[in-house]
C-alpha atoms as a PDB file:
ATOM      1  CA  UNK A   1      24.192   5.776  -0.302  1.00  0.00           C
ATOM      2  CA  UNK A   2      21.101   6.862   1.515  1.00  0.00           C
ATOM      3  CA  UNK A   3      19.476   7.492  -2.030  1.00  0.00           C
ATOM      4  CA  UNK A   4      20.013   3.365  -1.651  1.00  0.00           C
ATOM      5  CA  UNK A   5      18.399   2.972   1.490  1.00  0.00           C
ATOM      6  CA  UNK A   6      15.660   5.211   0.267  1.00  0.00           C
ATOM      7  CA  UNK A   7      14.799   3.106  -2.963  1.00  0.00           C
ATOM      8  CA  UNK A   8      14.735  -0.243  -0.973  1.00  0.00           C
ATOM      9  CA  UNK A   9      13.037   1.165   1.863  1.00  0.00           C
ATOM     10  CA  UNK A  10      10.305   2.748  -0.973  1.00  0.00           C
ATOM     11  CA  UNK A  11      10.232  -0.807  -2.451  1.00  0.00           C
ATOM     12  CA  UNK A  12       9.787  -2.572   0.547  1.00  0.00           C
ATOM     13  CA  UNK A  13       7.037  -0.450   2.058  1.00  0.00           C
ATOM     14  CA  UNK A  14       5.246  -1.055  -1.126  1.00  0.00           C
ATOM     15  CA  UNK A  15       6.230  -4.669  -0.460  1.00  0.00           C
ATOM     16  CA  UNK A  16       4.580  -4.652   2.894  1.00  0.00           C
ATOM     17  CA  UNK A  17       1.189  -2.458   2.195  1.00  0.00           C
ATOM     18  CA  UNK A  18       0.832  -5.753  -0.904  1.00  0.00           C
ATOM     19  CA  UNK A  19       1.473  -7.953   1.240  1.00  0.00           C
ATOM     20  CA  UNK A  20      -1.282  -6.983   3.415  1.00  0.00           C
ATOM     21  CA  UNK A  21      -3.775  -7.197   0.962  1.00  0.00           C
ATOM     22  CA  UNK A  22      -3.073 -10.645   0.487  1.00  0.00           C
ATOM     23  CA  UNK A  23      -2.665 -11.752   4.254  1.00  0.00           C
ATOM     24  CA  UNK A  24      -5.718 -10.171   5.399  1.00  0.00           C
ATOM     25  CA  UNK A  25      -8.077 -11.542   2.214  1.00  0.00           C
ATOM     26  CA  UNK A  26      -6.375 -15.438   2.873  1.00  0.00           C
ATOM     27  CA  UNK A  27      -7.583 -14.770   6.614  1.00  0.00           C
ATOM     28  CA  UNK A  28     -11.081 -13.928   5.294  1.00  0.00           C
ATOM     29  CA  UNK A  29     -11.121 -17.222   3.624  1.00  0.00           C
ATOM     30  CA  UNK A  30      -9.828 -16.251   0.103  1.00  0.00           C
ATOM     31  CA  UNK A  31      -6.648 -18.007  -1.727  1.00  0.00           C
ATOM     32  CA  UNK A  32      -6.289 -16.818  -4.201  1.00  0.00           C
ATOM     33  CA  UNK A  33      -3.178 -14.062  -3.490  1.00  0.00           C
ATOM     34  CA  UNK A  34      -1.710 -17.151  -2.296  1.00  0.00           C
ATOM     35  CA  UNK A  35      -2.248 -19.252  -5.411  1.00  0.00           C
ATOM     36  CA  UNK A  36      -1.063 -16.364  -7.437  1.00  0.00           C
ATOM     37  CA  UNK A  37       2.390 -16.183  -5.382  1.00  0.00           C
ATOM     38  CA  UNK A  38       2.020 -12.640  -3.839  1.00  0.00           C
ATOM     39  CA  UNK A  39       2.407 -14.105  -0.027  1.00  0.00           C
ATOM     40  CA  UNK A  40       5.692 -12.981  -0.669  1.00  0.00           C
ATOM     41  CA  UNK A  41       8.314 -10.830   0.075  1.00  0.00           C
ATOM     42  CA  UNK A  42       9.631 -10.699  -2.967  1.00  0.00           C
ATOM     43  CA  UNK A  43       9.748  -7.285  -4.691  1.00  0.00           C
ATOM     44  CA  UNK A  44       9.214  -9.002  -8.356  1.00  0.00           C
ATOM     45  CA  UNK A  45       6.431 -10.498  -7.418  1.00  0.00           C
ATOM     46  CA  UNK A  46       4.454  -7.096  -6.288  1.00  0.00           C
ATOM     47  CA  UNK A  47       6.291  -4.812  -8.431  1.00  0.00           C
ATOM     48  CA  UNK A  48       4.981  -3.870 -12.018  1.00  0.00           C
ATOM     49  CA  UNK A  49       7.795  -2.569 -14.662  1.00  0.00           C
ATOM     50  CA  UNK A  50       5.987  -0.051 -16.156  1.00  0.00           C
ATOM     51  CA  UNK A  51       4.025   1.384 -12.513  1.00  0.00           C
ATOM     52  CA  UNK A  52       6.398   0.316 -10.230  1.00  0.00           C
ATOM     53  CA  UNK A  53      10.104   1.681 -12.554  1.00  0.00           C
ATOM     54  CA  UNK A  54       9.767   3.323 -15.979  1.00  0.00           C
ATOM     55  CA  UNK A  55       7.003   5.555 -14.640  1.00  0.00           C
ATOM     56  CA  UNK A  56       8.361   6.689 -11.368  1.00  0.00           C
ATOM     57  CA  UNK A  57      11.898   7.375 -13.000  1.00  0.00           C
ATOM     58  CA  UNK A  58      10.301   9.524 -15.972  1.00  0.00           C
ATOM     59  CA  UNK A  59       8.819  11.166 -13.610  1.00  0.00           C
ATOM     60  CA  UNK A  60      12.168  11.938 -11.197  1.00  0.00           C
ATOM     61  CA  UNK A  61      13.908  13.096 -14.154  1.00  0.00           C
ATOM     62  CA  UNK A  62      11.627  15.264 -15.678  1.00  0.00           C
ATOM     63  CA  UNK A  63      11.018  16.828 -11.823  1.00  0.00           C
ATOM     64  CA  UNK A  64       7.676  15.483 -11.862  1.00  0.00           C
ATOM     65  CA  UNK A  65       5.562  14.607  -9.013  1.00  0.00           C
ATOM     66  CA  UNK A  66       6.609  10.798  -8.680  1.00  0.00           C
ATOM     67  CA  UNK A  67       3.895   8.601  -9.270  1.00  0.00           C
ATOM     68  CA  UNK A  68       3.421   4.930  -9.868  1.00  0.00           C
ATOM     69  CA  UNK A  69       2.161   1.581  -8.754  1.00  0.00           C
ATOM     70  CA  UNK A  70       2.015  -2.218  -8.116  1.00  0.00           C
ATOM     71  CA  UNK A  71       0.554  -4.497  -9.286  1.00  0.00           C
ATOM     72  CA  UNK A  72      -2.308  -4.822  -7.580  1.00  0.00           C
ATOM     73  CA  UNK A  73      -3.012  -7.922  -5.591  1.00  0.00           C
ATOM     74  CA  UNK A  74      -6.069 -10.652  -7.447  1.00  0.00           C
ATOM     75  CA  UNK A  75      -8.759 -10.330  -5.068  1.00  0.00           C
ATOM     76  CA  UNK A  76     -11.955 -13.077  -6.063  1.00  0.00           C
ATOM     77  CA  UNK A  77     -14.676 -11.445  -3.272  1.00  0.00           C
ATOM     78  CA  UNK A  78     -16.628 -14.324  -4.411  1.00  0.00           C
ATOM     79  CA  UNK A  79     -14.728 -16.613  -1.273  1.00  0.00           C
ATOM     80  CA  UNK A  80     -15.576 -14.466   1.177  1.00  0.00           C
ATOM     81  CA  UNK A  81     -17.892 -15.299   3.518  1.00  0.00           C
ATOM     82  CA  UNK A  82     -18.920 -11.475   3.504  1.00  0.00           C
ATOM     83  CA  UNK A  83     -18.116  -9.921   0.788  1.00  0.00           C
ATOM     84  CA  UNK A  84     -18.703  -6.028   1.149  1.00  0.00           C
ATOM     85  CA  UNK A  85     -17.311  -5.850   4.213  1.00  0.00           C
ATOM     86  CA  UNK A  86     -14.428  -8.397   3.699  1.00  0.00           C
ATOM     87  CA  UNK A  87     -12.997  -6.602   0.452  1.00  0.00           C
ATOM     88  CA  UNK A  88     -13.343  -2.988   2.869  1.00  0.00           C
ATOM     89  CA  UNK A  89     -11.115  -5.038   5.445  1.00  0.00           C
ATOM     90  CA  UNK A  90      -8.885  -6.019   2.742  1.00  0.00           C
ATOM     91  CA  UNK A  91      -8.811  -2.698   1.577  1.00  0.00           C
ATOM     92  CA  UNK A  92      -7.305  -0.459   4.780  1.00  0.00           C
ATOM     93  CA  UNK A  93      -5.689  -3.489   5.259  1.00  0.00           C
ATOM     94  CA  UNK A  94      -2.618  -1.474   3.028  1.00  0.00           C
ATOM     95  CA  UNK A  95      -3.152   2.097   4.577  1.00  0.00           C
ATOM     96  CA  UNK A  96      -2.532   0.569   7.901  1.00  0.00           C
ATOM     97  CA  UNK A  97       0.663  -1.356   7.069  1.00  0.00           C
ATOM     98  CA  UNK A  98       1.986   1.632   6.283  1.00  0.00           C
ATOM     99  CA  UNK A  99       0.747   3.273   9.613  1.00  0.00           C
ATOM    100  CA  UNK A 100       2.150   0.550  11.654  1.00  0.00           C
ATOM    101  CA  UNK A 101       5.599   0.926   9.587  1.00  0.00           C
ATOM    102  CA  UNK A 102       5.823   4.218  10.048  1.00  0.00           C
ATOM    103  CA  UNK A 103       5.604   4.086  14.029  1.00  0.00           C
ATOM    104  CA  UNK A 104       7.965   1.054  13.443  1.00  0.00           C
ATOM    105  CA  UNK A 105      10.856   3.881  11.952  1.00  0.00           C
ATOM    106  CA  UNK A 106       9.817   6.414  14.482  1.00  0.00           C
ATOM    107  CA  UNK A 107       9.899   4.061  17.533  1.00  0.00           C
ATOM    108  CA  UNK A 108      13.514   2.802  16.009  1.00  0.00           C
ATOM    109  CA  UNK A 109      14.727   6.344  15.291  1.00  0.00           C
ATOM    110  CA  UNK A 110      13.876   7.898  18.833  1.00  0.00           C
ATOM    111  CA  UNK A 111      15.509   4.391  20.607  1.00  0.00           C
ATOM    112  CA  UNK A 112      18.758   5.236  18.384  1.00  0.00           C
ATOM    113  CA  UNK A 113      18.406   8.723  17.933  1.00  0.00           C
ATOM    114  CA  UNK A 114      21.504   9.631  20.235  1.00  0.00           C
ATOM    115  CA  UNK A 115      23.629   6.758  19.160  1.00  0.00           C
ATOM    116  CA  UNK A 116      25.255   7.713  16.527  1.00  0.00           C
ATOM    117  CA  UNK A 117      23.781   4.711  14.004  1.00  0.00           C
ATOM    118  CA  UNK A 118      23.921   6.703  10.603  1.00  0.00           C
ATOM    119  CA  UNK A 119      19.547   7.151  10.808  1.00  0.00           C
ATOM    120  CA  UNK A 120      18.479   9.629   8.652  1.00  0.00           C
ATOM    121  CA  UNK A 121      17.137   7.977   5.260  1.00  0.00           C
ATOM    122  CA  UNK A 122      14.507   7.000   8.102  1.00  0.00           C
ATOM    123  CA  UNK A 123      12.509  10.103   8.560  1.00  0.00           C
ATOM    124  CA  UNK A 124      12.133  10.296   4.734  1.00  0.00           C
ATOM    125  CA  UNK A 125      10.498   6.529   5.310  1.00  0.00           C
ATOM    126  CA  UNK A 126       7.988   7.607   7.706  1.00  0.00           C
ATOM    127  CA  UNK A 127       7.481  10.357   5.661  1.00  0.00           C
ATOM    128  CA  UNK A 128       7.049   8.139   2.597  1.00  0.00           C
ATOM    129  CA  UNK A 129       5.156   5.589   5.150  1.00  0.00           C
ATOM    130  CA  UNK A 130       2.334   8.300   6.064  1.00  0.00           C
ATOM    131  CA  UNK A 131       1.673   9.122   2.540  1.00  0.00           C
ATOM    132  CA  UNK A 132       1.340   6.649   1.173  1.00  0.00           C
ATOM    133  CA  UNK A 133      -1.167   5.348   3.337  1.00  0.00           C
ATOM    134  CA  UNK A 134      -3.301   8.625   2.913  1.00  0.00           C
ATOM    135  CA  UNK A 135      -2.579   8.538  -0.459  1.00  0.00           C
ATOM    136  CA  UNK A 136      -4.050   5.282  -0.607  1.00  0.00           C
ATOM    137  CA  UNK A 137      -6.773   6.081   0.691  1.00  0.00           C
ATOM    138  CA  UNK A 138      -8.599   8.811  -1.051  1.00  0.00           C
ATOM    139  CA  UNK A 139     -11.693   7.449  -1.805  1.00  0.00           C
ATOM    140  CA  UNK A 140     -11.091   7.304  -5.956  1.00  0.00           C
ATOM    141  CA  UNK A 141     -10.998   4.251  -7.846  1.00  0.00           C
ATOM    142  CA  UNK A 142      -8.577   1.690  -7.416  1.00  0.00           C
ATOM    143  CA  UNK A 143      -7.494   3.269  -4.674  1.00  0.00           C
ATOM    144  CA  UNK A 144      -7.691   1.514  -1.565  1.00  0.00           C
ATOM    145  CA  UNK A 145     -10.262   4.364   0.049  1.00  0.00           C
ATOM    146  CA  UNK A 146     -12.498   3.612  -2.713  1.00  0.00           C
ATOM    147  CA  UNK A 147     -13.151   0.245  -1.379  1.00  0.00           C
ATOM    148  CA  UNK A 148     -13.797   1.469   2.502  1.00  0.00           C
ATOM    149  CA  UNK A 149     -15.075   4.638   1.527  1.00  0.00           C
ATOM    150  CA  UNK A 150     -18.065   2.758  -1.053  1.00  0.00           C
ATOM    151  CA  UNK A 151     -18.340  -0.146   1.865  1.00  0.00           C
ATOM    152  CA  UNK A 152     -19.897   2.759   4.665  1.00  0.00           C
ATOM    153  CA  UNK A 153     -22.306   4.442   2.804  1.00  0.00           C
ATOM    154  CA  UNK A 154     -25.472   3.035   1.103  1.00  0.00           C
ATOM    155  CA  UNK A 155     -25.643   1.475  -2.809  1.00  0.00           C
ATOM    156  CA  UNK A 156     -28.261   4.556  -3.715  1.00  0.00           C
ATOM    157  CA  UNK A 157     -26.219   7.606  -1.954  1.00  0.00           C
ATOM    158  CA  UNK A 158     -23.351   6.215  -4.199  1.00  0.00           C
ATOM    159  CA  UNK A 159     -24.889   5.223  -7.428  1.00  0.00           C
ATOM    160  CA  UNK A 160     -27.735   8.750  -7.661  1.00  0.00           C
ATOM    161  CA  UNK A 161     -24.244  10.665  -6.894  1.00  0.00           C
ATOM    162  CA  UNK A 162     -22.329   8.806  -9.646  1.00  0.00           C
ATOM    163  CA  UNK A 163     -25.067   9.613 -12.514  1.00  0.00           C
ATOM    164  CA  UNK A 164     -24.930  13.044 -12.198  1.00  0.00           C
END
């Protein structure tokens, strides 16, 4: 039963992460995520058959580090008033959502710790959400951190360091 709760928790952690990207994009003027059906809690709209199911299953069964991905939320930066800034805000929304989910889960755990309610799956979900946030903030494309990182450096510095 615990593994089922963990899998459902993982799926919805990913869904909340992707939903946050779409929600912030829409708030900043890009309705592409809505038109693509990505402003939903339905996991099927966000999960990639290979990256969300097949590859994680294979890496789990072979004892490797669990890796995978979700479908990227379609964003059209031309719909933003300030494209560079707004792309960075959309990018940071996913990891921040994972941090908020971890904080909420930690509060629930602390609140009900002595109640006798079965809370064991909450601890790995807290760690998982923090791991998702930190991993996605790595400044390597296509991770969210690359959009946040690239926004905060002068274009000449990035181009110069990438061309060496």
